[in-house]
Amino acid sequence: MTNETTTIDDERGNQIEGLARDLARTISAAPAGERERLRDMAVHVLRDEVEIAPAVSPTPAPSGTVNPFGIGIPLMLAGAVLLVMFPPVGLLLFAAAALMMLWGVATVFLAHREH
């Protein structure tokens, strides 16, 4: 498939070069005072006639947004386990879980309000 594409691109390139040479010969054959005007006209016609399509890029994978409420649940479970073994760390994880869950709830309400 790559060889076919390369061959087609080469053929198009050769055809465009031939057309450009023909156009250059036609403009060069015109009187000296008209050459610049004809060249500008050719450039403008080419710009106006050729539509440039935006490059087709593969569709990006859906970006998964992080749900803070979902992160708070495992933090709370880890905090419950560590509360027994290391109370300060367990309490810190409980506090982090509470903040994440509040953030998640607030995000839902704020996103709902914007729509």
C-alpha atoms as a PDB file:
ATOM      1  CA  MET A   1       0.000   0.000   0.000  1.00  0.00           C
ATOM      2  CA  THR A   2       2.866   2.378   0.748  1.00  0.00           C
ATOM      3  CA  ASN A   3       4.432   1.803  -2.685  1.00  0.00           C
ATOM      4  CA  GLU A   4       1.120   2.612  -4.387  1.00  0.00           C
ATOM      5  CA  THR A   5       0.768   5.819  -2.381  1.00  0.00           C
ATOM      6  CA  THR A   6       4.348   6.827  -3.171  1.00  0.00           C
ATOM      7  CA  THR A   7       3.808   6.156  -6.877  1.00  0.00           C
ATOM      8  CA  ILE A   8       0.608   8.219  -6.939  1.00  0.00           C
ATOM      9  CA  ASP A   9       2.340  11.059  -5.061  1.00  0.00           C
ATOM     10  CA  ASP A  10       5.254  10.951  -7.525  1.00  0.00           C
ATOM     11  CA  GLU A  11       2.864  11.070 -10.482  1.00  0.00           C
ATOM     12  CA  ARG A  12       1.030  14.052  -8.996  1.00  0.00           C
ATOM     13  CA  GLY A  13       4.326  15.789  -8.281  1.00  0.00           C
ATOM     14  CA  ASN A  14       5.517  15.273 -11.836  1.00  0.00           C
ATOM     15  CA  GLN A  15       2.195  16.508 -13.237  1.00  0.00           C
ATOM     16  CA  ILE A  16       2.294  19.627 -11.051  1.00  0.00           C
ATOM     17  CA  GLU A  17       5.906  20.335 -12.065  1.00  0.00           C
ATOM     18  CA  GLY A  18       4.930  20.026 -15.732  1.00  0.00           C
ATOM     19  CA  LEU A  19       1.977  22.375 -15.316  1.00  0.00           C
ATOM     20  CA  ALA A  20       4.161  24.869 -13.435  1.00  0.00           C
ATOM     21  CA  ARG A  21       6.744  24.807 -16.238  1.00  0.00           C
ATOM     22  CA  ASP A  22       3.997  25.351 -18.848  1.00  0.00           C
ATOM     23  CA  LEU A  23       2.642  28.264 -16.826  1.00  0.00           C
ATOM     24  CA  ALA A  24       6.134  29.739 -16.429  1.00  0.00           C
ATOM     25  CA  ARG A  25       6.722  29.475 -20.195  1.00  0.00           C
ATOM     26  CA  THR A  26       3.382  31.183 -20.897  1.00  0.00           C
ATOM     27  CA  ILE A  27       4.131  34.009 -18.467  1.00  0.00           C
ATOM     28  CA  SER A  28       7.700  34.389 -19.812  1.00  0.00           C
ATOM     29  CA  ALA A  29       6.341  34.678 -23.358  1.00  0.00           C
ATOM     30  CA  ALA A  30       4.206  37.674 -22.347  1.00  0.00           C
ATOM     31  CA  PRO A  31       5.521  41.227 -22.697  1.00  0.00           C
ATOM     32  CA  ALA A  32       7.931  42.232 -19.920  1.00  0.00           C
ATOM     33  CA  GLY A  33       5.501  44.740 -18.390  1.00  0.00           C
ATOM     34  CA  GLU A  34       2.748  42.151 -17.930  1.00  0.00           C
ATOM     35  CA  ARG A  35       4.823  39.302 -16.482  1.00  0.00           C
ATOM     36  CA  GLU A  36       4.608  40.375 -12.842  1.00  0.00           C
ATOM     37  CA  ARG A  37       0.848  40.962 -13.099  1.00  0.00           C
ATOM     38  CA  LEU A  38       0.342  37.568 -14.756  1.00  0.00           C
ATOM     39  CA  ARG A  39       2.477  35.834 -12.135  1.00  0.00           C
ATOM     40  CA  ASP A  40       0.487  37.464  -9.308  1.00  0.00           C
ATOM     41  CA  MET A  41      -2.744  36.526 -11.059  1.00  0.00           C
ATOM     42  CA  ALA A  42      -1.610  32.898 -11.359  1.00  0.00           C
ATOM     43  CA  VAL A  43      -0.693  32.775  -7.677  1.00  0.00           C
ATOM     44  CA  HIS A  44      -4.037  34.294  -6.632  1.00  0.00           C
ATOM     45  CA  VAL A  45      -6.017  31.939  -8.865  1.00  0.00           C
ATOM     46  CA  LEU A  46      -4.135  28.968  -7.443  1.00  0.00           C
ATOM     47  CA  ARG A  47      -4.748  30.109  -3.866  1.00  0.00           C
ATOM     48  CA  ASP A  48      -8.451  30.706  -4.547  1.00  0.00           C
ATOM     49  CA  GLU A  49      -9.095  27.497  -6.482  1.00  0.00           C
ATOM     50  CA  VAL A  50      -7.269  24.991  -4.296  1.00  0.00           C
ATOM     51  CA  GLU A  51      -9.140  24.248  -1.117  1.00  0.00           C
ATOM     52  CA  ILE A  52      -6.985  23.045   1.672  1.00  0.00           C
ATOM     53  CA  ALA A  53      -8.705  20.499   3.866  1.00  0.00           C
ATOM     54  CA  PRO A  54      -7.577  20.302   7.455  1.00  0.00           C
ATOM     55  CA  ALA A  55      -5.348  17.343   8.167  1.00  0.00           C
ATOM     56  CA  VAL A  56      -7.326  14.364   9.288  1.00  0.00           C
ATOM     57  CA  SER A  57      -6.101  13.337  12.667  1.00  0.00           C
ATOM     58  CA  PRO A  58      -7.146  10.192  14.415  1.00  0.00           C
ATOM     59  CA  THR A  59      -9.906  10.791  16.891  1.00  0.00           C
ATOM     60  CA  PRO A  60      -8.390  11.063  20.322  1.00  0.00           C
ATOM     61  CA  ALA A  61      -9.355   8.506  22.876  1.00  0.00           C
ATOM     62  CA  PRO A  62     -11.964   9.864  25.251  1.00  0.00           C
ATOM     63  CA  SER A  63     -10.179  11.513  28.087  1.00  0.00           C
ATOM     64  CA  GLY A  64     -11.419   9.927  31.250  1.00  0.00           C
ATOM     65  CA  THR A  65     -12.001  12.515  33.888  1.00  0.00           C
ATOM     66  CA  VAL A  66     -11.026  11.603  37.383  1.00  0.00           C
ATOM     67  CA  ASN A  67     -13.924  11.357  39.755  1.00  0.00           C
ATOM     68  CA  PRO A  68     -12.779  12.703  43.133  1.00  0.00           C
ATOM     69  CA  PHE A  69     -15.662  10.943  44.874  1.00  0.00           C
ATOM     70  CA  GLY A  70     -14.440   7.625  43.476  1.00  0.00           C
ATOM     71  CA  ILE A  71     -10.946   8.302  44.794  1.00  0.00           C
ATOM     72  CA  GLY A  72     -12.324   9.143  48.225  1.00  0.00           C
ATOM     73  CA  ILE A  73     -13.861   5.688  48.724  1.00  0.00           C
ATOM     74  CA  PRO A  74     -10.569   3.712  48.667  1.00  0.00           C
ATOM     75  CA  LEU A  75      -8.933   6.427  50.760  1.00  0.00           C
ATOM     76  CA  MET A  76     -11.634   5.952  53.379  1.00  0.00           C
ATOM     77  CA  LEU A  77     -11.156   2.170  53.346  1.00  0.00           C
ATOM     78  CA  ALA A  78      -7.375   2.539  53.672  1.00  0.00           C
ATOM     79  CA  GLY A  79      -7.925   5.072  56.465  1.00  0.00           C
ATOM     80  CA  ALA A  80     -10.151   2.587  58.335  1.00  0.00           C
ATOM     81  CA  VAL A  81      -7.448  -0.087  58.167  1.00  0.00           C
ATOM     82  CA  LEU A  82      -4.636   2.281  59.128  1.00  0.00           C
ATOM     83  CA  LEU A  83      -6.704   3.855  61.916  1.00  0.00           C
ATOM     84  CA  VAL A  84      -6.215   0.657  63.896  1.00  0.00           C
ATOM     85  CA  MET A  85      -2.478   0.320  63.196  1.00  0.00           C
ATOM     86  CA  PHE A  86      -1.358   3.977  62.867  1.00  0.00           C
ATOM     87  CA  PRO A  87      -4.082   6.317  64.135  1.00  0.00           C
ATOM     88  CA  PRO A  88      -2.542   9.598  62.888  1.00  0.00           C
ATOM     89  CA  VAL A  89      -2.102   8.226  59.375  1.00  0.00           C
ATOM     90  CA  GLY A  90      -5.596   6.707  59.432  1.00  0.00           C
ATOM     91  CA  LEU A  91      -7.118  10.020  60.505  1.00  0.00           C
ATOM     92  CA  LEU A  92      -5.162  11.828  57.786  1.00  0.00           C
ATOM     93  CA  LEU A  93      -6.498   9.412  55.176  1.00  0.00           C
ATOM     94  CA  PHE A  94     -10.035   9.847  56.514  1.00  0.00           C
ATOM     95  CA  ALA A  95      -9.640  13.631  56.208  1.00  0.00           C
ATOM     96  CA  ALA A  96      -8.271  13.284  52.661  1.00  0.00           C
ATOM     97  CA  ALA A  97     -11.185  10.974  51.789  1.00  0.00           C
ATOM     98  CA  ALA A  98     -13.679  13.482  53.164  1.00  0.00           C
ATOM     99  CA  LEU A  99     -12.129  16.299  51.123  1.00  0.00           C
ATOM    100  CA  MET A 100     -12.113  14.191  47.951  1.00  0.00           C
ATOM    101  CA  MET A 101     -15.742  13.175  48.447  1.00  0.00           C
ATOM    102  CA  LEU A 102     -16.793  16.784  49.069  1.00  0.00           C
ATOM    103  CA  TRP A 103     -14.878  17.844  45.979  1.00  0.00           C
ATOM    104  CA  GLY A 104     -16.628  15.140  43.952  1.00  0.00           C
ATOM    105  CA  VAL A 105     -20.081  16.204  45.130  1.00  0.00           C
ATOM    106  CA  ALA A 106     -19.286  19.877  44.523  1.00  0.00           C
ATOM    107  CA  THR A 107     -18.016  19.075  41.017  1.00  0.00           C
ATOM    108  CA  VAL A 108     -21.266  17.308  40.159  1.00  0.00           C
ATOM    109  CA  PHE A 109     -23.386  20.221  41.351  1.00  0.00           C
ATOM    110  CA  LEU A 110     -21.198  22.848  39.652  1.00  0.00           C
ATOM    111  CA  ALA A 111     -21.114  20.911  36.354  1.00  0.00           C
ATOM    112  CA  HIS A 112     -24.893  20.484  36.495  1.00  0.00           C
ATOM    113  CA  ARG A 113     -25.348  24.221  37.108  1.00  0.00           C
ATOM    114  CA  GLU A 114     -23.185  25.176  34.062  1.00  0.00           C
ATOM    115  CA  HIS A 115     -25.333  23.145  31.646  1.00  0.00           C
END
